[in-house]
Amino acid sequence: MYWNTPKTFQHDMTIAALLSTFSDIHSILGKPPLIGYGANIAFEIWRIDNLYEMKIMYANQWDANPQDITQFAPGCEDSIKFCNVTKFIQHSRQLFFDNVQEACLKDGENLTS
């Protein structure tokens, strides 16, 4: 049975992981958080006055109209229509590691200290 396999939930987990970095996941997915069939996220990149700006759109169902969720993205909380791409990257950078093994060792040392 396909519906009861790990592949069934990979789409939902990917969307949930991405949206968990946003400031208010409940404003996007509701309470409790529900990810609909065919839910999708689109990152629109715009060039405005020689600056790269972005808009993030989310549809919680394959047939739903996408909603603008830009203001919930890291570094975009004060955005009205667009978010500066550089600002978004700077705020999101803390979520990534250049060296995963080093980061794990550092966290392990913090736990035992």
Protein backbone atom coordinates (compact mmCIF):
# COMPACT_ATOMS: atom_id res chain seq x y z
CA MET A 1 0.00 0.00 0.00
CA TYR A 2 1.57 3.25 -1.16
CA TRP A 3 -0.21 5.52 1.34
CA ASN A 4 1.53 3.91 4.30
CA THR A 5 5.15 4.32 3.19
CA PRO A 6 7.80 6.87 4.22
CA LYS A 7 7.63 8.39 0.71
CA THR A 8 4.06 9.44 1.40
CA PHE A 9 5.18 11.96 4.01
CA GLN A 10 8.40 13.29 2.43
CA HIS A 11 6.57 16.14 0.69
CA ASP A 12 4.87 17.19 3.92
CA MET A 13 8.09 16.99 5.94
CA THR A 14 9.99 19.10 3.41
CA ILE A 15 7.36 21.84 3.54
CA ALA A 16 7.09 21.63 7.34
CA ALA A 17 10.89 21.85 7.74
CA LEU A 18 11.10 24.90 5.49
CA LEU A 19 8.15 26.67 7.12
CA SER A 20 9.46 25.91 10.62
CA THR A 21 12.17 28.51 9.94
CA PHE A 22 9.49 31.17 9.45
CA SER A 23 8.37 33.39 12.34
CA ASP A 24 4.81 32.08 12.70
CA ILE A 25 4.11 28.69 11.17
CA HIS A 26 0.58 28.67 12.63
CA SER A 27 -0.38 31.77 10.64
CA ILE A 28 0.56 29.87 7.50
CA LEU A 29 -0.61 26.30 8.22
CA GLY A 30 -3.20 26.84 10.95
CA LYS A 31 -3.48 25.22 14.36
CA PRO A 32 -2.82 22.31 14.33
CA PRO A 33 -0.52 22.68 11.32
CA LEU A 34 -2.01 20.89 8.30
CA ILE A 35 -0.28 20.51 4.96
CA GLY A 36 -2.72 19.83 2.16
CA TYR A 37 -2.38 17.53 -0.83
CA GLY A 38 -0.24 19.23 -3.46
CA ALA A 39 0.79 22.09 -1.16
CA ASN A 40 3.52 24.21 -2.72
CA ILE A 41 5.87 27.12 -2.04
CA ALA A 42 7.16 29.48 -4.72
CA PHE A 43 10.04 31.91 -4.28
CA GLU A 44 9.61 34.72 -6.81
CA ILE A 45 12.79 36.72 -7.43
CA TRP A 46 12.36 40.25 -8.77
CA ARG A 47 14.92 42.84 -9.85
CA ILE A 48 13.70 46.24 -8.71
CA ASP A 49 15.92 49.33 -9.02
CA ASN A 50 18.98 47.07 -9.45
CA LEU A 51 18.22 45.25 -6.18
CA TYR A 52 17.08 41.65 -5.94
CA GLU A 53 13.83 41.38 -4.04
CA MET A 54 11.67 38.34 -3.42
CA LYS A 55 8.13 37.36 -2.69
CA ILE A 56 7.23 34.00 -1.16
CA MET A 57 3.90 32.45 -2.11
CA TYR A 58 2.29 29.41 -0.47
CA ALA A 59 -0.71 27.34 -1.50
CA ASN A 60 -1.84 24.75 1.04
CA GLN A 61 -3.69 22.64 -1.54
CA TRP A 62 -3.15 21.80 -5.19
CA ASP A 63 -6.19 23.87 -6.17
CA ALA A 64 -5.80 26.73 -3.64
CA ASN A 65 -4.88 30.29 -4.56
CA PRO A 66 -1.34 31.07 -3.38
CA GLN A 67 -1.06 33.44 -0.42
CA ASP A 68 1.80 35.87 0.16
CA ILE A 69 3.76 34.65 3.21
CA THR A 70 6.84 36.84 2.70
CA GLN A 71 6.40 38.71 5.99
CA PHE A 72 6.88 35.46 7.95
CA ALA A 73 10.27 34.60 6.36
CA PRO A 74 13.53 35.08 8.31
CA GLY A 75 14.66 38.70 7.96
CA CYS A 76 11.48 39.71 6.15
CA GLU A 77 9.23 40.42 9.14
CA ASP A 78 9.12 44.16 8.36
CA SER A 79 8.48 43.63 4.64
CA ILE A 80 5.30 44.93 3.10
CA LYS A 81 5.35 43.53 -0.44
CA PHE A 82 8.91 42.35 -1.15
CA CYS A 83 11.89 41.23 0.92
CA ASN A 84 15.48 42.02 0.03
CA VAL A 85 17.16 38.76 -1.01
CA THR A 86 20.47 39.66 0.67
CA LYS A 87 18.68 40.37 3.96
CA PHE A 88 16.84 37.04 3.74
CA ILE A 89 20.09 35.15 3.07
CA GLN A 90 21.88 36.89 5.96
CA HIS A 91 19.11 35.95 8.39
CA SER A 92 18.83 32.40 7.02
CA ARG A 93 22.59 31.79 7.01
CA GLN A 94 22.59 30.87 10.71
CA LEU A 95 20.52 27.79 9.81
CA PHE A 96 23.33 26.30 7.69
CA PHE A 97 26.71 24.85 8.57
CA ASP A 98 29.85 24.91 6.44
CA ASN A 99 31.17 21.89 8.34
CA VAL A 100 28.46 19.64 9.81
CA GLN A 101 30.92 17.41 11.72
CA GLU A 102 32.50 20.44 13.39
CA ALA A 103 29.08 21.81 14.35
CA CYS A 104 28.05 18.47 15.85
CA LEU A 105 31.28 18.24 17.87
CA LYS A 106 30.80 21.78 19.11
CA ASP A 107 27.25 21.00 20.19
CA GLY A 108 28.44 17.79 21.84
CA GLU A 109 31.05 19.70 23.83
CA ASN A 110 28.41 22.17 24.95
CA LEU A 111 26.22 19.33 26.18
CA THR A 112 29.00 17.73 28.24
CA SER A 113 30.47 20.97 29.63
